Amino acid sequence: MDRLDCIESFVRVVEMGSFSAVAREYNTTQPTISKKIAALEDYLDVQLLTRSTTKLQLTQEGELFFERCQSLLDAAAETIASVGQRQNPVGTLRVNCSVAFGQYQVIPYLKGFLSRYPDLKLDLMMNDRFVDLVEEGIDVAIRIGTVSDSMLSVHQLGVTHRVTVAAVDYFRDRPEPKTPEDLLDCNCIVYSRLATANDWHFHLPTGGTTTVTVNGNLRVDGSTGVREAVFAGLGIAVCPVWLFGDLIRSDSLKVILKDYQPTPLPIHAVYRRGRFIPAKVRCFIEYFTNEYQL
């Protein structure tokens, strides 16, 4: 039994959900693919798949084996590509970022990225929680702000420019702040995922920076939630420009403190530290560095 061949067939059957589809892809017969899976199950002495007339279902052992096999095949493909000095990375690239950043700053660029690297598959995981790259098998994560984990390699992709905003209606019965210090008397919406969430930093018109420690009755752990809280008139927030897009010029939103620009935040790509940077990670970083420098 060619174990690697059987493993490849097993992974493709799970991915495609069909023995016959894999047989067509490999230009062979369905019984041949079935025999490979059966041989693999006999070798492991465990059932990997349950079969019915309508669908295939992984067993609990099969789910674990499938995940490990995907990583194994990706690593093998990456090694072959690296040794052979291929220009195009292969395998699956698992990327993590926040929901809002993925929606507004990653997905719009993916058509160009995947067109440039047609042999690469992308698994984009968007969530607003801390993700352990090793435990969750993430190849590269995009993080905004300071990165302090010494176990990770860090590459700055660019910076995100920010504005201070509130709903127009928020100022109908209260004065508009004229300086950053005026924010101390305002209800501020705090984005809690930043390390120093309540410390807002601004560039002064005369040069230098100033920091104010704001307060408010609402903390939000997602950028999209901050945006919706702003439009709901719940307070003042400092947000990335891209979070609002064309809405930044809408009649319902007001940009304040225009002479005091919030300091930009760095956009980092982080990946597991090691002697070898996988080609798929390197290509992702290079592509998005070029895009974010425009």
C-alpha atoms as a PDB file:
ATOM      1  CA  MET A   1       0.000   0.000   0.000  1.00  0.00           C
ATOM      2  CA  ASP A   2       1.272   3.448  -0.931  1.00  0.00           C
ATOM      3  CA  ARG A   3       0.294   5.215   2.286  1.00  0.00           C
ATOM      4  CA  LEU A   4       0.822   8.749   0.986  1.00  0.00           C
ATOM      5  CA  ASP A   5      -1.278   8.006  -2.101  1.00  0.00           C
ATOM      6  CA  CYS A   6      -4.056   6.620   0.095  1.00  0.00           C
ATOM      7  CA  ILE A   7      -3.878   9.657   2.374  1.00  0.00           C
ATOM      8  CA  GLU A   8      -4.128  12.024  -0.608  1.00  0.00           C
ATOM      9  CA  SER A   9      -7.163  10.123  -1.881  1.00  0.00           C
ATOM     10  CA  PHE A  10      -8.796  10.220   1.557  1.00  0.00           C
ATOM     11  CA  VAL A  11      -8.298  13.990   1.884  1.00  0.00           C
ATOM     12  CA  ARG A  12      -9.721  14.641  -1.587  1.00  0.00           C
ATOM     13  CA  VAL A  13     -12.748  12.426  -0.895  1.00  0.00           C
ATOM     14  CA  VAL A  14     -13.511  14.436   2.236  1.00  0.00           C
ATOM     15  CA  GLU A  15     -12.939  17.769   0.470  1.00  0.00           C
ATOM     16  CA  MET A  16     -15.084  16.852  -2.540  1.00  0.00           C
ATOM     17  CA  GLY A  17     -17.622  14.748  -0.646  1.00  0.00           C
ATOM     18  CA  SER A  18     -17.685  12.101  -3.335  1.00  0.00           C
ATOM     19  CA  PHE A  19     -15.728   8.997  -4.352  1.00  0.00           C
ATOM     20  CA  SER A  20     -16.805   9.353  -7.970  1.00  0.00           C
ATOM     21  CA  ALA A  21     -15.700  12.999  -8.168  1.00  0.00           C
ATOM     22  CA  VAL A  22     -12.238  12.064  -6.917  1.00  0.00           C
ATOM     23  CA  ALA A  23     -12.100   9.166  -9.357  1.00  0.00           C
ATOM     24  CA  ARG A  24     -12.825  11.537 -12.225  1.00  0.00           C
ATOM     25  CA  GLU A  25     -10.190  13.979 -10.971  1.00  0.00           C
ATOM     26  CA  TYR A  26      -7.572  11.203 -10.792  1.00  0.00           C
ATOM     27  CA  ASN A  27      -8.744   9.645 -14.065  1.00  0.00           C
ATOM     28  CA  THR A  28      -9.458   6.318 -12.410  1.00  0.00           C
ATOM     29  CA  THR A  29     -12.477   4.334 -11.220  1.00  0.00           C
ATOM     30  CA  GLN A  30     -14.634   4.731  -8.146  1.00  0.00           C
ATOM     31  CA  PRO A  31     -13.832   1.191  -6.882  1.00  0.00           C
ATOM     32  CA  THR A  32     -10.123   2.061  -7.042  1.00  0.00           C
ATOM     33  CA  ILE A  33     -10.625   5.072  -4.770  1.00  0.00           C
ATOM     34  CA  SER A  34     -12.845   3.037  -2.441  1.00  0.00           C
ATOM     35  CA  LYS A  35     -10.149   0.355  -2.157  1.00  0.00           C
ATOM     36  CA  LYS A  36      -7.564   2.982  -1.208  1.00  0.00           C
ATOM     37  CA  ILE A  37      -9.754   4.310   1.594  1.00  0.00           C
ATOM     38  CA  ALA A  38     -10.530   0.776   2.776  1.00  0.00           C
ATOM     39  CA  ALA A  39      -6.821  -0.098   2.755  1.00  0.00           C
ATOM     40  CA  LEU A  40      -6.079   3.009   4.816  1.00  0.00           C
ATOM     41  CA  GLU A  41      -8.783   2.115   7.340  1.00  0.00           C
ATOM     42  CA  ASP A  42      -7.441  -1.448   7.569  1.00  0.00           C
ATOM     43  CA  TYR A  43      -3.924  -0.158   8.129  1.00  0.00           C
ATOM     44  CA  LEU A  44      -5.080   2.235  10.871  1.00  0.00           C
ATOM     45  CA  ASP A  45      -7.550  -0.304  12.268  1.00  0.00           C
ATOM     46  CA  VAL A  46     -10.165   2.436  12.561  1.00  0.00           C
ATOM     47  CA  GLN A  47     -13.170   3.588  10.555  1.00  0.00           C
ATOM     48  CA  LEU A  48     -12.614   7.018   9.031  1.00  0.00           C
ATOM     49  CA  LEU A  49     -15.829   7.488   7.058  1.00  0.00           C
ATOM     50  CA  THR A  50     -19.435   6.404   7.352  1.00  0.00           C
ATOM     51  CA  ARG A  51     -21.155   6.003   4.027  1.00  0.00           C
ATOM     52  CA  SER A  52     -24.810   6.288   3.073  1.00  0.00           C
ATOM     53  CA  THR A  53     -26.622   6.559  -0.234  1.00  0.00           C
ATOM     54  CA  THR A  54     -26.702  10.351   0.047  1.00  0.00           C
ATOM     55  CA  LYS A  55     -23.535  11.526   1.790  1.00  0.00           C
ATOM     56  CA  LEU A  56     -20.225  10.777   3.453  1.00  0.00           C
ATOM     57  CA  GLN A  57     -19.659  11.534   7.118  1.00  0.00           C
ATOM     58  CA  LEU A  58     -16.365  11.650   8.997  1.00  0.00           C
ATOM     59  CA  THR A  59     -16.161   9.674  12.208  1.00  0.00           C
ATOM     60  CA  GLN A  60     -14.610  11.349  15.242  1.00  0.00           C
ATOM     61  CA  GLU A  61     -11.329   9.590  14.490  1.00  0.00           C
ATOM     62  CA  GLY A  62     -11.703  10.537  10.841  1.00  0.00           C
ATOM     63  CA  GLU A  63     -12.052  14.238  11.686  1.00  0.00           C
ATOM     64  CA  LEU A  64      -8.823  14.202  13.664  1.00  0.00           C
ATOM     65  CA  PHE A  65      -7.003  12.220  10.987  1.00  0.00           C
ATOM     66  CA  PHE A  66      -8.291  14.526   8.231  1.00  0.00           C
ATOM     67  CA  GLU A  67      -7.017  17.651   9.998  1.00  0.00           C
ATOM     68  CA  ARG A  68      -3.598  16.089  10.541  1.00  0.00           C
ATOM     69  CA  CYS A  69      -3.448  14.851   6.949  1.00  0.00           C
ATOM     70  CA  GLN A  70      -4.271  18.296   5.558  1.00  0.00           C
ATOM     71  CA  SER A  71      -1.373  19.774   7.506  1.00  0.00           C
ATOM     72  CA  LEU A  72       0.891  16.930   6.377  1.00  0.00           C
ATOM     73  CA  LEU A  73       0.048  17.356   2.698  1.00  0.00           C
ATOM     74  CA  ASP A  74       0.349  21.139   2.886  1.00  0.00           C
ATOM     75  CA  ALA A  75       3.767  20.789   4.497  1.00  0.00           C
ATOM     76  CA  ALA A  76       4.862  18.295   1.855  1.00  0.00           C
ATOM     77  CA  ALA A  77       3.668  20.544  -0.962  1.00  0.00           C
ATOM     78  CA  GLU A  78       5.354  23.541   0.634  1.00  0.00           C
ATOM     79  CA  THR A  79       8.633  21.653   0.971  1.00  0.00           C
ATOM     80  CA  ILE A  80       8.550  20.512  -2.641  1.00  0.00           C
ATOM     81  CA  ALA A  81       7.764  24.033  -3.804  1.00  0.00           C
ATOM     82  CA  SER A  82      10.575  25.459  -1.685  1.00  0.00           C
ATOM     83  CA  VAL A  83      13.221  22.966  -2.769  1.00  0.00           C
ATOM     84  CA  GLY A  84      12.159  23.259  -6.383  1.00  0.00           C
ATOM     85  CA  GLN A  85      12.274  27.062  -6.154  1.00  0.00           C
ATOM     86  CA  ARG A  86       8.785  27.369  -7.607  1.00  0.00           C
ATOM     87  CA  GLN A  87       7.460  30.870  -8.042  1.00  0.00           C
ATOM     88  CA  ASN A  88       3.904  30.019  -6.989  1.00  0.00           C
ATOM     89  CA  PRO A  89       3.132  28.837  -3.443  1.00  0.00           C
ATOM     90  CA  VAL A  90       0.876  25.822  -3.049  1.00  0.00           C
ATOM     91  CA  GLY A  91      -1.351  24.379  -0.348  1.00  0.00           C
ATOM     92  CA  THR A  92      -3.785  26.075   2.024  1.00  0.00           C
ATOM     93  CA  LEU A  93      -2.990  29.390   3.715  1.00  0.00           C
ATOM     94  CA  ARG A  94      -4.888  29.977   6.963  1.00  0.00           C
ATOM     95  CA  VAL A  95      -5.231  33.688   7.744  1.00  0.00           C
ATOM     96  CA  ASN A  96      -6.797  35.258  10.826  1.00  0.00           C
ATOM     97  CA  CYS A  97      -7.975  38.850  11.258  1.00  0.00           C
ATOM     98  CA  SER A  98     -10.777  40.810  12.883  1.00  0.00           C
ATOM     99  CA  VAL A  99     -14.211  40.763  11.286  1.00  0.00           C
ATOM    100  CA  ALA A 100     -14.185  44.419  10.236  1.00  0.00           C
ATOM    101  CA  PHE A 101     -10.608  44.416   8.944  1.00  0.00           C
ATOM    102  CA  GLY A 102     -11.262  41.278   6.952  1.00  0.00           C
ATOM    103  CA  GLN A 103     -14.430  42.716   5.455  1.00  0.00           C
ATOM    104  CA  TYR A 104     -12.998  46.098   4.476  1.00  0.00           C
ATOM    105  CA  GLN A 105      -9.248  45.595   4.131  1.00  0.00           C
ATOM    106  CA  VAL A 106      -8.594  41.966   3.200  1.00  0.00           C
ATOM    107  CA  ILE A 107     -11.452  40.607   1.091  1.00  0.00           C
ATOM    108  CA  PRO A 108     -11.333  43.516  -1.423  1.00  0.00           C
ATOM    109  CA  TYR A 109      -7.731  42.526  -2.250  1.00  0.00           C
ATOM    110  CA  LEU A 110      -8.210  38.761  -2.434  1.00  0.00           C
ATOM    111  CA  LYS A 111      -9.211  38.581  -6.091  1.00  0.00           C
ATOM    112  CA  GLY A 112      -5.853  40.001  -7.115  1.00  0.00           C
ATOM    113  CA  PHE A 113      -3.947  37.891  -4.602  1.00  0.00           C
ATOM    114  CA  LEU A 114      -5.564  34.590  -5.599  1.00  0.00           C
ATOM    115  CA  SER A 115      -5.229  35.428  -9.289  1.00  0.00           C
ATOM    116  CA  ARG A 116      -1.512  35.934  -8.808  1.00  0.00           C
ATOM    117  CA  TYR A 117      -1.165  32.660  -6.879  1.00  0.00           C
ATOM    118  CA  PRO A 118      -3.649  30.254  -8.520  1.00  0.00           C
ATOM    119  CA  ASP A 119      -2.258  27.131  -6.792  1.00  0.00           C
ATOM    120  CA  LEU A 120      -2.991  28.541  -3.348  1.00  0.00           C
ATOM    121  CA  LYS A 121      -6.165  28.050  -1.322  1.00  0.00           C
ATOM    122  CA  LEU A 122      -7.094  30.580   1.354  1.00  0.00           C
ATOM    123  CA  ASP A 123      -8.884  29.813   4.612  1.00  0.00           C
ATOM    124  CA  LEU A 124      -9.823  33.233   6.033  1.00  0.00           C
ATOM    125  CA  MET A 125     -10.861  33.144   9.693  1.00  0.00           C
ATOM    126  CA  MET A 126     -12.468  36.427  10.774  1.00  0.00           C
ATOM    127  CA  ASN A 127     -13.304  36.886  14.446  1.00  0.00           C
ATOM    128  CA  ASP A 128     -12.961  39.443  17.221  1.00  0.00           C
ATOM    129  CA  ARG A 129     -11.142  37.346  19.797  1.00  0.00           C
ATOM    130  CA  PHE A 130      -7.539  36.535  20.589  1.00  0.00           C
ATOM    131  CA  VAL A 131      -6.334  33.583  18.519  1.00  0.00           C
ATOM    132  CA  ASP A 132      -3.391  31.347  19.420  1.00  0.00           C
ATOM    133  CA  LEU A 133      -1.642  30.720  16.105  1.00  0.00           C
ATOM    134  CA  VAL A 134      -0.098  27.436  17.182  1.00  0.00           C
ATOM    135  CA  GLU A 135      -3.184  25.934  18.843  1.00  0.00           C
ATOM    136  CA  GLU A 136      -5.496  26.861  15.961  1.00  0.00           C
ATOM    137  CA  GLY A 137      -3.082  26.143  13.125  1.00  0.00           C
ATOM    138  CA  ILE A 138      -2.994  29.712  11.791  1.00  0.00           C
ATOM    139  CA  ASP A 139      -0.265  30.493   9.263  1.00  0.00           C
ATOM    140  CA  VAL A 140      -0.456  34.276   9.514  1.00  0.00           C
ATOM    141  CA  ALA A 141      -2.601  36.737  11.460  1.00  0.00           C
ATOM    142  CA  ILE A 142      -3.172  40.440  10.885  1.00  0.00           C
ATOM    143  CA  ARG A 143      -3.121  42.500  14.059  1.00  0.00           C
ATOM    144  CA  ILE A 144      -3.508  46.227  14.539  1.00  0.00           C
ATOM    145  CA  GLY A 145      -1.514  48.012  17.210  1.00  0.00           C
ATOM    146  CA  THR A 146       1.370  46.835  19.366  1.00  0.00           C
ATOM    147  CA  VAL A 147       2.385  43.163  19.223  1.00  0.00           C
ATOM    148  CA  SER A 148       4.321  41.971  22.266  1.00  0.00           C
ATOM    149  CA  ASP A 149       4.404  38.172  21.848  1.00  0.00           C
ATOM    150  CA  SER A 150       8.085  37.195  21.631  1.00  0.00           C
ATOM    151  CA  MET A 151       7.166  33.795  20.176  1.00  0.00           C
ATOM    152  CA  LEU A 152       5.907  35.425  16.977  1.00  0.00           C
ATOM    153  CA  SER A 153       7.684  36.998  14.049  1.00  0.00           C
ATOM    154  CA  VAL A 154       6.251  40.417  13.230  1.00  0.00           C
ATOM    155  CA  HIS A 155       6.214  42.285   9.920  1.00  0.00           C
ATOM    156  CA  GLN A 156       4.622  45.716   9.545  1.00  0.00           C
ATOM    157  CA  LEU A 157       2.329  45.832   6.526  1.00  0.00           C
ATOM    158  CA  GLY A 158       1.448  49.505   6.839  1.00  0.00           C
ATOM    159  CA  VAL A 159      -0.517  51.857   9.066  1.00  0.00           C
ATOM    160  CA  THR A 160      -4.189  52.569   9.546  1.00  0.00           C
ATOM    161  CA  HIS A 161      -5.174  56.243   9.692  1.00  0.00           C
ATOM    162  CA  ARG A 162      -7.943  57.191  12.092  1.00  0.00           C
ATOM    163  CA  VAL A 163     -10.500  59.915  12.724  1.00  0.00           C
ATOM    164  CA  THR A 164     -12.502  61.101  15.721  1.00  0.00           C
ATOM    165  CA  VAL A 165     -16.207  60.778  14.974  1.00  0.00           C
ATOM    166  CA  ALA A 166     -19.698  60.969  16.405  1.00  0.00           C
ATOM    167  CA  ALA A 167     -23.229  60.997  15.082  1.00  0.00           C
ATOM    168  CA  VAL A 168     -24.466  64.448  14.075  1.00  0.00           C
ATOM    169  CA  ASP A 169     -27.420  64.021  16.433  1.00  0.00           C
ATOM    170  CA  TYR A 170     -25.041  63.485  19.351  1.00  0.00           C
ATOM    171  CA  PHE A 171     -24.232  67.227  19.360  1.00  0.00           C
ATOM    172  CA  ARG A 172     -27.802  68.517  19.218  1.00  0.00           C
ATOM    173  CA  ASP A 173     -27.909  69.040  22.983  1.00  0.00           C
ATOM    174  CA  ARG A 174     -24.202  69.183  23.898  1.00  0.00           C
ATOM    175  CA  PRO A 175     -21.150  71.191  22.768  1.00  0.00           C
ATOM    176  CA  GLU A 176     -18.697  69.805  20.248  1.00  0.00           C
ATOM    177  CA  PRO A 177     -15.176  69.189  21.639  1.00  0.00           C
ATOM    178  CA  LYS A 178     -12.579  71.652  20.333  1.00  0.00           C
ATOM    179  CA  THR A 179      -9.442  70.056  21.813  1.00  0.00           C
ATOM    180  CA  PRO A 180      -8.540  66.504  22.900  1.00  0.00           C
ATOM    181  CA  GLU A 181      -8.799  67.601  26.541  1.00  0.00           C
ATOM    182  CA  ASP A 182     -12.489  68.367  25.976  1.00  0.00           C
ATOM    183  CA  LEU A 183     -13.018  64.624  25.496  1.00  0.00           C
ATOM    184  CA  LEU A 184     -12.578  64.199  29.243  1.00  0.00           C
ATOM    185  CA  ASP A 185     -16.086  65.630  29.653  1.00  0.00           C
ATOM    186  CA  CYS A 186     -17.595  63.450  26.908  1.00  0.00           C
ATOM    187  CA  ASN A 187     -18.984  59.954  26.727  1.00  0.00           C
ATOM    188  CA  CYS A 188     -16.406  58.036  24.681  1.00  0.00           C
ATOM    189  CA  ILE A 189     -16.909  54.644  23.061  1.00  0.00           C
ATOM    190  CA  VAL A 190     -13.861  52.514  23.833  1.00  0.00           C
ATOM    191  CA  TYR A 191     -12.544  49.820  21.493  1.00  0.00           C
ATOM    192  CA  SER A 192     -11.456  47.291  24.086  1.00  0.00           C
ATOM    193  CA  ARG A 193      -9.152  45.133  21.942  1.00  0.00           C
ATOM    194  CA  LEU A 194      -6.359  47.719  21.996  1.00  0.00           C
ATOM    195  CA  ALA A 195      -3.745  47.304  24.725  1.00  0.00           C
ATOM    196  CA  THR A 196      -4.285  50.844  26.073  1.00  0.00           C
ATOM    197  CA  ALA A 197      -7.892  51.207  25.043  1.00  0.00           C
ATOM    198  CA  ASN A 198      -8.730  54.277  27.138  1.00  0.00           C
ATOM    199  CA  ASP A 199      -5.583  56.219  26.203  1.00  0.00           C
ATOM    200  CA  TRP A 200      -6.240  58.202  23.036  1.00  0.00           C
ATOM    201  CA  HIS A 201      -3.204  59.753  21.344  1.00  0.00           C
ATOM    202  CA  PHE A 202      -3.373  62.806  19.077  1.00  0.00           C
ATOM    203  CA  HIS A 203      -0.958  64.809  16.940  1.00  0.00           C
ATOM    204  CA  LEU A 204      -0.855  68.485  17.946  1.00  0.00           C
ATOM    205  CA  PRO A 205      -1.088  71.176  15.244  1.00  0.00           C
ATOM    206  CA  THR A 206       2.094  72.732  16.656  1.00  0.00           C
ATOM    207  CA  GLY A 207       3.989  69.443  16.599  1.00  0.00           C
ATOM    208  CA  GLY A 208       4.338  66.595  19.059  1.00  0.00           C
ATOM    209  CA  THR A 209       1.566  64.512  20.532  1.00  0.00           C
ATOM    210  CA  THR A 210      -0.798  64.531  23.466  1.00  0.00           C
ATOM    211  CA  THR A 211      -2.587  61.725  25.277  1.00  0.00           C
ATOM    212  CA  VAL A 212      -5.939  61.860  27.022  1.00  0.00           C
ATOM    213  CA  THR A 213      -7.397  59.053  29.111  1.00  0.00           C
ATOM    214  CA  VAL A 214     -11.052  58.966  28.166  1.00  0.00           C
ATOM    215  CA  ASN A 215     -14.046  57.453  29.904  1.00  0.00           C
ATOM    216  CA  GLY A 216     -17.459  56.300  28.836  1.00  0.00           C
ATOM    217  CA  ASN A 217     -20.234  53.874  29.605  1.00  0.00           C
ATOM    218  CA  LEU A 218     -19.624  51.577  26.621  1.00  0.00           C
ATOM    219  CA  ARG A 219     -16.739  49.293  25.695  1.00  0.00           C
ATOM    220  CA  VAL A 220     -16.918  47.232  22.501  1.00  0.00           C
ATOM    221  CA  ASP A 221     -14.559  44.454  21.380  1.00  0.00           C
ATOM    222  CA  GLY A 222     -15.310  44.720  17.654  1.00  0.00           C
ATOM    223  CA  SER A 223     -14.768  47.600  15.224  1.00  0.00           C
ATOM    224  CA  THR A 224     -18.104  47.019  13.516  1.00  0.00           C
ATOM    225  CA  GLY A 225     -19.821  47.309  16.886  1.00  0.00           C
ATOM    226  CA  VAL A 226     -18.018  50.591  17.562  1.00  0.00           C
ATOM    227  CA  ARG A 227     -19.226  51.939  14.230  1.00  0.00           C
ATOM    228  CA  GLU A 228     -22.832  50.977  14.921  1.00  0.00           C
ATOM    229  CA  ALA A 229     -22.602  52.512  18.402  1.00  0.00           C
ATOM    230  CA  VAL A 230     -21.413  55.769  16.822  1.00  0.00           C
ATOM    231  CA  PHE A 231     -24.331  55.867  14.397  1.00  0.00           C
ATOM    232  CA  ALA A 232     -26.698  55.094  17.283  1.00  0.00           C
ATOM    233  CA  GLY A 233     -25.547  58.299  18.979  1.00  0.00           C
ATOM    234  CA  LEU A 234     -23.991  56.550  21.970  1.00  0.00           C
ATOM    235  CA  GLY A 235     -20.859  58.666  22.086  1.00  0.00           C
ATOM    236  CA  ILE A 236     -17.579  59.706  20.469  1.00  0.00           C
ATOM    237  CA  ALA A 237     -15.070  57.227  19.058  1.00  0.00           C
ATOM    238  CA  VAL A 238     -11.685  57.131  17.376  1.00  0.00           C
ATOM    239  CA  CYS A 239     -11.949  54.770  14.404  1.00  0.00           C
ATOM    240  CA  PRO A 240     -10.023  53.747  11.283  1.00  0.00           C
ATOM    241  CA  VAL A 241     -11.004  55.779   8.222  1.00  0.00           C
ATOM    242  CA  TRP A 242     -11.690  52.588   6.263  1.00  0.00           C
ATOM    243  CA  LEU A 243     -14.340  51.538   8.777  1.00  0.00           C
ATOM    244  CA  PHE A 244     -16.740  54.147   7.390  1.00  0.00           C
ATOM    245  CA  GLY A 245     -15.724  54.359   3.731  1.00  0.00           C
ATOM    246  CA  ASP A 246     -17.945  56.799   1.856  1.00  0.00           C
ATOM    247  CA  LEU A 247     -20.109  57.202   4.970  1.00  0.00           C
ATOM    248  CA  ILE A 248     -17.372  59.442   6.363  1.00  0.00           C
ATOM    249  CA  ARG A 249     -18.967  62.224   4.286  1.00  0.00           C
ATOM    250  CA  SER A 250     -22.575  61.357   5.112  1.00  0.00           C
ATOM    251  CA  ASP A 251     -25.019  63.772   6.721  1.00  0.00           C
ATOM    252  CA  SER A 252     -25.417  61.502   9.739  1.00  0.00           C
ATOM    253  CA  LEU A 253     -21.723  61.398  10.711  1.00  0.00           C
ATOM    254  CA  LYS A 254     -19.502  64.217  11.935  1.00  0.00           C
ATOM    255  CA  VAL A 255     -15.699  64.173  12.001  1.00  0.00           C
ATOM    256  CA  ILE A 256     -14.457  66.303  14.901  1.00  0.00           C
ATOM    257  CA  LEU A 257     -11.067  67.543  16.140  1.00  0.00           C
ATOM    258  CA  LYS A 258      -9.778  67.773  12.573  1.00  0.00           C
ATOM    259  CA  ASP A 259      -6.745  69.764  13.728  1.00  0.00           C
ATOM    260  CA  TYR A 260      -5.842  66.949  16.135  1.00  0.00           C
ATOM    261  CA  GLN A 261      -5.383  63.790  14.123  1.00  0.00           C
ATOM    262  CA  PRO A 262      -5.369  60.524  16.099  1.00  0.00           C
ATOM    263  CA  THR A 263      -2.000  58.824  15.790  1.00  0.00           C
ATOM    264  CA  PRO A 264      -2.020  56.063  13.143  1.00  0.00           C
ATOM    265  CA  LEU A 265      -1.837  52.459  14.292  1.00  0.00           C
ATOM    266  CA  PRO A 266       0.566  49.957  12.734  1.00  0.00           C
ATOM    267  CA  ILE A 267      -0.852  47.000  10.806  1.00  0.00           C
ATOM    268  CA  HIS A 268       1.197  43.874  11.504  1.00  0.00           C
ATOM    269  CA  ALA A 269       1.360  40.436   9.966  1.00  0.00           C
ATOM    270  CA  VAL A 270       2.416  37.929  12.615  1.00  0.00           C
ATOM    271  CA  TYR A 271       3.427  34.334  12.106  1.00  0.00           C
ATOM    272  CA  ARG A 272       5.095  31.558  14.044  1.00  0.00           C
ATOM    273  CA  ARG A 273       8.780  32.158  14.615  1.00  0.00           C
ATOM    274  CA  GLY A 274      11.084  29.705  12.850  1.00  0.00           C
ATOM    275  CA  ARG A 275      14.116  29.354  10.655  1.00  0.00           C
ATOM    276  CA  PHE A 276      11.979  28.828   7.554  1.00  0.00           C
ATOM    277  CA  ILE A 277       9.257  31.202   6.355  1.00  0.00           C
ATOM    278  CA  PRO A 278       6.810  29.218   4.208  1.00  0.00           C
ATOM    279  CA  ALA A 279       6.506  30.561   0.673  1.00  0.00           C
ATOM    280  CA  LYS A 280       2.747  31.017   1.055  1.00  0.00           C
ATOM    281  CA  VAL A 281       3.262  33.222   4.130  1.00  0.00           C
ATOM    282  CA  ARG A 282       6.036  35.203   2.473  1.00  0.00           C
ATOM    283  CA  CYS A 283       3.931  35.833  -0.657  1.00  0.00           C
ATOM    284  CA  PHE A 284       0.942  36.947   1.429  1.00  0.00           C
ATOM    285  CA  ILE A 285       3.065  39.396   3.407  1.00  0.00           C
ATOM    286  CA  GLU A 286       4.766  40.804   0.310  1.00  0.00           C
ATOM    287  CA  TYR A 287       1.478  41.235  -1.554  1.00  0.00           C
ATOM    288  CA  PHE A 288      -0.365  43.012   1.239  1.00  0.00           C
ATOM    289  CA  THR A 289       2.646  45.142   2.146  1.00  0.00           C
ATOM    290  CA  ASN A 290       2.617  46.483  -1.406  1.00  0.00           C
ATOM    291  CA  GLU A 291      -1.152  47.057  -1.317  1.00  0.00           C
ATOM    292  CA  TYR A 292      -1.117  48.876   2.029  1.00  0.00           C
ATOM    293  CA  GLN A 293       1.747  51.160   0.977  1.00  0.00           C
ATOM    294  CA  LEU A 294      -0.343  52.655  -1.844  1.00  0.00           C
END
